[in-house]
Amino acid sequence: MSVAIHWTKVKNIVIAVLVPVALGAAVGFLVSRFMDYDMLEKPVLAPPGGLFPVVWTVLYVLMGVSYGRIKNRGALDFGVTSVYYGQLAVNLLWPVFFFMLKWRLFSFIWIVSLAILVILMAVRFYKKDAAAGLLQIPYAAWVVFASYLNFMIFILN
Protein backbone atom coordinates (compact mmCIF):
# COMPACT_ATOMS: atom_id res chain seq x y z
CA MET A 1 0.00 0.00 0.00
CA SER A 2 1.43 3.36 -0.95
CA VAL A 3 1.95 6.14 1.57
CA ALA A 4 -0.62 8.32 -0.25
CA ILE A 5 -3.33 5.66 0.06
CA HIS A 6 -2.45 5.09 3.71
CA TRP A 7 -2.59 8.84 4.44
CA THR A 8 -5.98 9.13 2.72
CA LYS A 9 -7.36 6.36 4.92
CA VAL A 10 -6.02 8.01 8.07
CA LYS A 11 -7.44 11.36 6.94
CA ASN A 12 -10.86 9.74 6.33
CA ILE A 13 -10.91 8.34 9.86
CA VAL A 14 -9.75 11.61 11.44
CA ILE A 15 -12.40 13.65 9.61
CA ALA A 16 -15.08 11.07 10.37
CA VAL A 17 -14.20 11.28 14.07
CA LEU A 18 -13.96 15.07 14.17
CA VAL A 19 -17.44 15.60 12.71
CA PRO A 20 -19.49 13.98 15.51
CA VAL A 21 -17.04 15.03 18.25
CA ALA A 22 -17.10 18.69 17.14
CA LEU A 23 -20.87 18.74 16.64
CA GLY A 24 -21.44 17.07 19.99
CA ALA A 25 -19.14 19.57 21.70
CA ALA A 26 -20.91 22.49 20.02
CA VAL A 27 -24.35 21.28 21.12
CA GLY A 28 -23.00 20.61 24.62
CA PHE A 29 -21.67 24.15 24.77
CA LEU A 30 -24.96 25.63 23.51
CA VAL A 31 -27.13 23.79 26.04
CA SER A 32 -24.67 23.86 28.96
CA ARG A 33 -26.31 26.84 30.67
CA PHE A 34 -29.67 25.04 30.58
CA MET A 35 -28.46 21.73 32.03
CA ASP A 36 -30.27 20.92 35.25
CA TYR A 37 -29.30 17.24 35.60
CA ASP A 38 -27.79 17.69 39.07
CA MET A 39 -30.98 19.33 40.34
CA LEU A 40 -33.35 16.62 39.09
CA GLU A 41 -34.67 13.65 41.01
CA LYS A 42 -32.92 10.66 39.44
CA PRO A 43 -33.33 6.90 39.57
CA VAL A 44 -30.96 4.69 41.53
CA LEU A 45 -28.86 3.76 38.49
CA ALA A 46 -28.25 7.37 37.42
CA PRO A 47 -24.56 8.11 36.90
CA PRO A 48 -22.96 11.37 38.04
CA GLY A 49 -23.37 14.25 35.61
CA GLY A 50 -19.64 14.47 34.95
CA LEU A 51 -19.66 11.05 33.33
CA PHE A 52 -21.84 12.10 30.39
CA PRO A 53 -19.30 14.20 28.44
CA VAL A 54 -16.72 11.42 28.76
CA VAL A 55 -19.12 8.71 27.59
CA TRP A 56 -20.44 10.79 24.71
CA THR A 57 -16.94 11.66 23.53
CA VAL A 58 -16.00 7.98 23.44
CA LEU A 59 -19.22 7.12 21.61
CA TYR A 60 -18.70 9.89 19.05
CA VAL A 61 -15.16 8.62 18.44
CA LEU A 62 -16.43 5.06 17.93
CA MET A 63 -19.16 6.39 15.63
CA GLY A 64 -16.60 8.26 13.54
CA VAL A 65 -14.15 5.37 13.37
CA SER A 66 -16.96 3.11 12.17
CA TYR A 67 -18.08 5.51 9.48
CA GLY A 68 -14.48 6.11 8.41
CA ARG A 69 -13.85 2.37 8.12
CA ILE A 70 -16.81 2.00 5.79
CA LYS A 71 -15.67 4.98 3.76
CA ASN A 72 -12.17 3.51 3.50
CA ARG A 73 -13.65 0.29 2.14
CA GLY A 74 -15.48 2.27 -0.53
CA ALA A 75 -18.72 0.87 0.86
CA LEU A 76 -20.66 4.07 1.54
CA ASP A 77 -24.08 4.18 -0.04
CA PHE A 78 -27.21 6.25 0.42
CA GLY A 79 -28.63 3.91 3.08
CA VAL A 80 -25.51 3.95 5.24
CA THR A 81 -24.93 7.67 4.87
CA SER A 82 -28.57 8.64 5.49
CA VAL A 83 -28.96 6.50 8.61
CA TYR A 84 -25.60 7.73 9.93
CA TYR A 85 -26.35 11.43 9.53
CA GLY A 86 -30.00 10.90 10.45
CA GLN A 87 -29.15 9.34 13.78
CA LEU A 88 -26.51 11.99 14.38
CA ALA A 89 -29.09 14.75 13.83
CA VAL A 90 -31.58 13.04 16.16
CA ASN A 91 -28.78 12.57 18.71
CA LEU A 92 -27.75 16.23 18.59
CA LEU A 93 -31.33 17.50 18.99
CA TRP A 94 -32.08 15.44 22.10
CA PRO A 95 -30.22 17.78 24.55
CA VAL A 96 -32.09 20.73 23.08
CA PHE A 97 -35.43 19.07 23.82
CA PHE A 98 -34.42 17.65 27.21
CA PHE A 99 -32.38 20.50 28.69
CA MET A 100 -33.27 23.70 26.85
CA LEU A 101 -36.98 23.10 26.33
CA LYS A 102 -37.51 20.75 29.31
CA TRP A 103 -39.70 18.50 27.17
CA ARG A 104 -38.99 15.37 29.22
CA LEU A 105 -41.72 13.11 27.81
CA PHE A 106 -41.12 14.24 24.23
CA SER A 107 -37.40 13.69 24.82
CA PHE A 108 -38.11 10.12 25.89
CA ILE A 109 -40.01 9.43 22.67
CA TRP A 110 -37.21 11.14 20.75
CA ILE A 111 -34.47 9.05 22.38
CA VAL A 112 -36.39 5.83 21.75
CA SER A 113 -36.43 6.79 18.07
CA LEU A 114 -32.67 7.41 18.38
CA ALA A 115 -32.21 3.91 19.81
CA ILE A 116 -34.04 2.45 16.82
CA LEU A 117 -31.89 4.46 14.41
CA VAL A 118 -28.68 3.43 16.17
CA ILE A 119 -29.61 -0.24 15.96
CA LEU A 120 -30.50 0.18 12.29
CA MET A 121 -27.18 1.95 11.75
CA ALA A 122 -25.25 -0.81 13.51
CA VAL A 123 -26.91 -3.45 11.32
CA ARG A 124 -26.19 -1.51 8.12
CA PHE A 125 -22.62 -0.86 9.22
CA TYR A 126 -22.17 -4.55 10.08
CA LYS A 127 -23.26 -5.58 6.59
CA LYS A 128 -20.55 -3.33 5.12
CA ASP A 129 -17.82 -3.98 7.72
CA ALA A 130 -18.33 -6.27 10.71
CA ALA A 131 -15.99 -4.30 12.99
CA ALA A 132 -17.76 -1.04 12.12
CA GLY A 133 -21.08 -2.55 13.15
CA LEU A 134 -19.72 -4.09 16.35
CA LEU A 135 -18.19 -0.75 17.35
CA GLN A 136 -21.76 0.57 17.61
CA ILE A 137 -22.78 -1.87 20.36
CA PRO A 138 -21.65 0.48 23.19
CA TYR A 139 -23.57 3.34 21.55
CA ALA A 140 -26.74 1.27 21.26
CA ALA A 141 -26.41 0.06 24.85
CA TRP A 142 -25.83 3.59 26.15
CA VAL A 143 -28.82 5.01 24.27
CA VAL A 144 -31.07 2.27 25.66
CA PHE A 145 -29.76 3.09 29.16
CA ALA A 146 -30.21 6.82 28.50
CA SER A 147 -33.80 6.08 27.45
CA TYR A 148 -34.39 4.49 30.84
CA LEU A 149 -32.83 7.53 32.57
CA ASN A 150 -34.92 9.93 30.51
CA PHE A 151 -38.14 8.05 31.29
CA MET A 152 -37.39 7.79 35.00
CA ILE A 153 -36.47 11.47 35.22
CA PHE A 154 -39.78 12.26 33.54
CA ILE A 155 -41.64 10.11 36.08
CA LEU A 156 -39.74 11.41 39.12
CA ASN A 157 -39.94 15.07 38.19
C-alpha atoms as a PDB file:
ATOM      1  CA  MET A   1       0.000   0.000   0.000  1.00  0.00           C
ATOM      2  CA  SER A   2       1.434   3.362  -0.949  1.00  0.00           C
ATOM      3  CA  VAL A   3       1.951   6.144   1.568  1.00  0.00           C
ATOM      4  CA  ALA A   4      -0.617   8.317  -0.254  1.00  0.00           C
ATOM      5  CA  ILE A   5      -3.332   5.665   0.061  1.00  0.00           C
ATOM      6  CA  HIS A   6      -2.455   5.092   3.706  1.00  0.00           C
ATOM      7  CA  TRP A   7      -2.593   8.842   4.441  1.00  0.00           C
ATOM      8  CA  THR A   8      -5.981   9.134   2.717  1.00  0.00           C
ATOM      9  CA  LYS A   9      -7.363   6.357   4.922  1.00  0.00           C
ATOM     10  CA  VAL A  10      -6.017   8.010   8.072  1.00  0.00           C
ATOM     11  CA  LYS A  11      -7.439  11.356   6.940  1.00  0.00           C
ATOM     12  CA  ASN A  12     -10.856   9.738   6.327  1.00  0.00           C
ATOM     13  CA  ILE A  13     -10.910   8.344   9.864  1.00  0.00           C
ATOM     14  CA  VAL A  14      -9.754  11.614  11.441  1.00  0.00           C
ATOM     15  CA  ILE A  15     -12.397  13.655   9.611  1.00  0.00           C
ATOM     16  CA  ALA A  16     -15.079  11.066  10.369  1.00  0.00           C
ATOM     17  CA  VAL A  17     -14.201  11.279  14.074  1.00  0.00           C
ATOM     18  CA  LEU A  18     -13.959  15.069  14.174  1.00  0.00           C
ATOM     19  CA  VAL A  19     -17.445  15.600  12.709  1.00  0.00           C
ATOM     20  CA  PRO A  20     -19.489  13.981  15.513  1.00  0.00           C
ATOM     21  CA  VAL A  21     -17.042  15.033  18.253  1.00  0.00           C
ATOM     22  CA  ALA A  22     -17.098  18.687  17.138  1.00  0.00           C
ATOM     23  CA  LEU A  23     -20.867  18.743  16.636  1.00  0.00           C
ATOM     24  CA  GLY A  24     -21.441  17.070  19.992  1.00  0.00           C
ATOM     25  CA  ALA A  25     -19.142  19.574  21.705  1.00  0.00           C
ATOM     26  CA  ALA A  26     -20.910  22.489  20.015  1.00  0.00           C
ATOM     27  CA  VAL A  27     -24.345  21.278  21.120  1.00  0.00           C
ATOM     28  CA  GLY A  28     -23.002  20.613  24.616  1.00  0.00           C
ATOM     29  CA  PHE A  29     -21.670  24.149  24.768  1.00  0.00           C
ATOM     30  CA  LEU A  30     -24.958  25.633  23.508  1.00  0.00           C
ATOM     31  CA  VAL A  31     -27.127  23.792  26.036  1.00  0.00           C
ATOM     32  CA  SER A  32     -24.673  23.859  28.965  1.00  0.00           C
ATOM     33  CA  ARG A  33     -26.310  26.840  30.669  1.00  0.00           C
ATOM     34  CA  PHE A  34     -29.671  25.036  30.577  1.00  0.00           C
ATOM     35  CA  MET A  35     -28.463  21.734  32.033  1.00  0.00           C
ATOM     36  CA  ASP A  36     -30.273  20.919  35.249  1.00  0.00           C
ATOM     37  CA  TYR A  37     -29.300  17.242  35.601  1.00  0.00           C
ATOM     38  CA  ASP A  38     -27.788  17.693  39.068  1.00  0.00           C
ATOM     39  CA  MET A  39     -30.981  19.332  40.343  1.00  0.00           C
ATOM     40  CA  LEU A  40     -33.349  16.622  39.090  1.00  0.00           C
ATOM     41  CA  GLU A  41     -34.668  13.646  41.007  1.00  0.00           C
ATOM     42  CA  LYS A  42     -32.919  10.661  39.442  1.00  0.00           C
ATOM     43  CA  PRO A  43     -33.326   6.895  39.567  1.00  0.00           C
ATOM     44  CA  VAL A  44     -30.958   4.692  41.533  1.00  0.00           C
ATOM     45  CA  LEU A  45     -28.857   3.758  38.489  1.00  0.00           C
ATOM     46  CA  ALA A  46     -28.252   7.367  37.416  1.00  0.00           C
ATOM     47  CA  PRO A  47     -24.560   8.110  36.898  1.00  0.00           C
ATOM     48  CA  PRO A  48     -22.959  11.370  38.037  1.00  0.00           C
ATOM     49  CA  GLY A  49     -23.369  14.250  35.605  1.00  0.00           C
ATOM     50  CA  GLY A  50     -19.640  14.469  34.954  1.00  0.00           C
ATOM     51  CA  LEU A  51     -19.662  11.045  33.328  1.00  0.00           C
ATOM     52  CA  PHE A  52     -21.837  12.096  30.388  1.00  0.00           C
ATOM     53  CA  PRO A  53     -19.303  14.195  28.441  1.00  0.00           C
ATOM     54  CA  VAL A  54     -16.723  11.420  28.762  1.00  0.00           C
ATOM     55  CA  VAL A  55     -19.119   8.709  27.595  1.00  0.00           C
ATOM     56  CA  TRP A  56     -20.437  10.787  24.709  1.00  0.00           C
ATOM     57  CA  THR A  57     -16.936  11.665  23.525  1.00  0.00           C
ATOM     58  CA  VAL A  58     -15.999   7.981  23.439  1.00  0.00           C
ATOM     59  CA  LEU A  59     -19.223   7.122  21.612  1.00  0.00           C
ATOM     60  CA  TYR A  60     -18.700   9.892  19.046  1.00  0.00           C
ATOM     61  CA  VAL A  61     -15.164   8.621  18.444  1.00  0.00           C
ATOM     62  CA  LEU A  62     -16.434   5.056  17.925  1.00  0.00           C
ATOM     63  CA  MET A  63     -19.156   6.393  15.632  1.00  0.00           C
ATOM     64  CA  GLY A  64     -16.602   8.265  13.539  1.00  0.00           C
ATOM     65  CA  VAL A  65     -14.154   5.370  13.374  1.00  0.00           C
ATOM     66  CA  SER A  66     -16.961   3.107  12.169  1.00  0.00           C
ATOM     67  CA  TYR A  67     -18.083   5.510   9.477  1.00  0.00           C
ATOM     68  CA  GLY A  68     -14.478   6.114   8.414  1.00  0.00           C
ATOM     69  CA  ARG A  69     -13.851   2.367   8.120  1.00  0.00           C
ATOM     70  CA  ILE A  70     -16.809   1.999   5.791  1.00  0.00           C
ATOM     71  CA  LYS A  71     -15.667   4.984   3.760  1.00  0.00           C
ATOM     72  CA  ASN A  72     -12.174   3.509   3.504  1.00  0.00           C
ATOM     73  CA  ARG A  73     -13.647   0.286   2.140  1.00  0.00           C
ATOM     74  CA  GLY A  74     -15.484   2.266  -0.532  1.00  0.00           C
ATOM     75  CA  ALA A  75     -18.717   0.872   0.857  1.00  0.00           C
ATOM     76  CA  LEU A  76     -20.658   4.069   1.539  1.00  0.00           C
ATOM     77  CA  ASP A  77     -24.076   4.181  -0.042  1.00  0.00           C
ATOM     78  CA  PHE A  78     -27.207   6.252   0.421  1.00  0.00           C
ATOM     79  CA  GLY A  79     -28.630   3.913   3.082  1.00  0.00           C
ATOM     80  CA  VAL A  80     -25.506   3.948   5.239  1.00  0.00           C
ATOM     81  CA  THR A  81     -24.930   7.672   4.872  1.00  0.00           C
ATOM     82  CA  SER A  82     -28.565   8.639   5.485  1.00  0.00           C
ATOM     83  CA  VAL A  83     -28.961   6.497   8.610  1.00  0.00           C
ATOM     84  CA  TYR A  84     -25.597   7.727   9.927  1.00  0.00           C
ATOM     85  CA  TYR A  85     -26.345  11.427   9.526  1.00  0.00           C
ATOM     86  CA  GLY A  86     -29.999  10.901  10.451  1.00  0.00           C
ATOM     87  CA  GLN A  87     -29.154   9.336  13.784  1.00  0.00           C
ATOM     88  CA  LEU A  88     -26.507  11.994  14.376  1.00  0.00           C
ATOM     89  CA  ALA A  89     -29.087  14.751  13.834  1.00  0.00           C
ATOM     90  CA  VAL A  90     -31.583  13.039  16.159  1.00  0.00           C
ATOM     91  CA  ASN A  91     -28.782  12.574  18.706  1.00  0.00           C
ATOM     92  CA  LEU A  92     -27.752  16.233  18.590  1.00  0.00           C
ATOM     93  CA  LEU A  93     -31.326  17.499  18.990  1.00  0.00           C
ATOM     94  CA  TRP A  94     -32.075  15.440  22.103  1.00  0.00           C
ATOM     95  CA  PRO A  95     -30.225  17.775  24.549  1.00  0.00           C
ATOM     96  CA  VAL A  96     -32.093  20.734  23.077  1.00  0.00           C
ATOM     97  CA  PHE A  97     -35.433  19.072  23.823  1.00  0.00           C
ATOM     98  CA  PHE A  98     -34.421  17.645  27.206  1.00  0.00           C
ATOM     99  CA  PHE A  99     -32.381  20.502  28.690  1.00  0.00           C
ATOM    100  CA  MET A 100     -33.274  23.701  26.854  1.00  0.00           C
ATOM    101  CA  LEU A 101     -36.980  23.100  26.326  1.00  0.00           C
ATOM    102  CA  LYS A 102     -37.505  20.751  29.313  1.00  0.00           C
ATOM    103  CA  TRP A 103     -39.703  18.502  27.168  1.00  0.00           C
ATOM    104  CA  ARG A 104     -38.991  15.368  29.221  1.00  0.00           C
ATOM    105  CA  LEU A 105     -41.724  13.111  27.809  1.00  0.00           C
ATOM    106  CA  PHE A 106     -41.123  14.237  24.230  1.00  0.00           C
ATOM    107  CA  SER A 107     -37.400  13.690  24.823  1.00  0.00           C
ATOM    108  CA  PHE A 108     -38.113  10.120  25.885  1.00  0.00           C
ATOM    109  CA  ILE A 109     -40.014   9.432  22.670  1.00  0.00           C
ATOM    110  CA  TRP A 110     -37.208  11.138  20.747  1.00  0.00           C
ATOM    111  CA  ILE A 111     -34.474   9.049  22.384  1.00  0.00           C
ATOM    112  CA  VAL A 112     -36.391   5.833  21.749  1.00  0.00           C
ATOM    113  CA  SER A 113     -36.426   6.792  18.072  1.00  0.00           C
ATOM    114  CA  LEU A 114     -32.671   7.405  18.377  1.00  0.00           C
ATOM    115  CA  ALA A 115     -32.209   3.912  19.813  1.00  0.00           C
ATOM    116  CA  ILE A 116     -34.040   2.445  16.822  1.00  0.00           C
ATOM    117  CA  LEU A 117     -31.888   4.459  14.411  1.00  0.00           C
ATOM    118  CA  VAL A 118     -28.676   3.432  16.173  1.00  0.00           C
ATOM    119  CA  ILE A 119     -29.614  -0.242  15.959  1.00  0.00           C
ATOM    120  CA  LEU A 120     -30.498   0.184  12.288  1.00  0.00           C
ATOM    121  CA  MET A 121     -27.180   1.953  11.746  1.00  0.00           C
ATOM    122  CA  ALA A 122     -25.254  -0.807  13.514  1.00  0.00           C
ATOM    123  CA  VAL A 123     -26.915  -3.453  11.324  1.00  0.00           C
ATOM    124  CA  ARG A 124     -26.193  -1.514   8.125  1.00  0.00           C
ATOM    125  CA  PHE A 125     -22.624  -0.857   9.219  1.00  0.00           C
ATOM    126  CA  TYR A 126     -22.172  -4.553  10.080  1.00  0.00           C
ATOM    127  CA  LYS A 127     -23.258  -5.583   6.593  1.00  0.00           C
ATOM    128  CA  LYS A 128     -20.553  -3.334   5.124  1.00  0.00           C
ATOM    129  CA  ASP A 129     -17.824  -3.979   7.722  1.00  0.00           C
ATOM    130  CA  ALA A 130     -18.326  -6.272  10.711  1.00  0.00           C
ATOM    131  CA  ALA A 131     -15.990  -4.304  12.987  1.00  0.00           C
ATOM    132  CA  ALA A 132     -17.762  -1.040  12.121  1.00  0.00           C
ATOM    133  CA  GLY A 133     -21.078  -2.554  13.152  1.00  0.00           C
ATOM    134  CA  LEU A 134     -19.718  -4.091  16.345  1.00  0.00           C
ATOM    135  CA  LEU A 135     -18.191  -0.754  17.354  1.00  0.00           C
ATOM    136  CA  GLN A 136     -21.757   0.572  17.615  1.00  0.00           C
ATOM    137  CA  ILE A 137     -22.784  -1.867  20.361  1.00  0.00           C
ATOM    138  CA  PRO A 138     -21.654   0.477  23.186  1.00  0.00           C
ATOM    139  CA  TYR A 139     -23.570   3.339  21.551  1.00  0.00           C
ATOM    140  CA  ALA A 140     -26.740   1.266  21.259  1.00  0.00           C
ATOM    141  CA  ALA A 141     -26.410   0.061  24.852  1.00  0.00           C
ATOM    142  CA  TRP A 142     -25.828   3.587  26.146  1.00  0.00           C
ATOM    143  CA  VAL A 143     -28.820   5.012  24.267  1.00  0.00           C
ATOM    144  CA  VAL A 144     -31.069   2.273  25.665  1.00  0.00           C
ATOM    145  CA  PHE A 145     -29.756   3.085  29.156  1.00  0.00           C
ATOM    146  CA  ALA A 146     -30.210   6.819  28.500  1.00  0.00           C
ATOM    147  CA  SER A 147     -33.799   6.081  27.448  1.00  0.00           C
ATOM    148  CA  TYR A 148     -34.388   4.490  30.843  1.00  0.00           C
ATOM    149  CA  LEU A 149     -32.835   7.525  32.570  1.00  0.00           C
ATOM    150  CA  ASN A 150     -34.916   9.926  30.506  1.00  0.00           C
ATOM    151  CA  PHE A 151     -38.137   8.052  31.287  1.00  0.00           C
ATOM    152  CA  MET A 152     -37.389   7.795  35.000  1.00  0.00           C
ATOM    153  CA  ILE A 153     -36.470  11.473  35.219  1.00  0.00           C
ATOM    154  CA  PHE A 154     -39.781  12.264  33.535  1.00  0.00           C
ATOM    155  CA  ILE A 155     -41.645  10.108  36.081  1.00  0.00           C
ATOM    156  CA  LEU A 156     -39.743  11.411  39.120  1.00  0.00           C
ATOM    157  CA  ASN A 157     -39.941  15.067  38.190  1.00  0.00           C
END
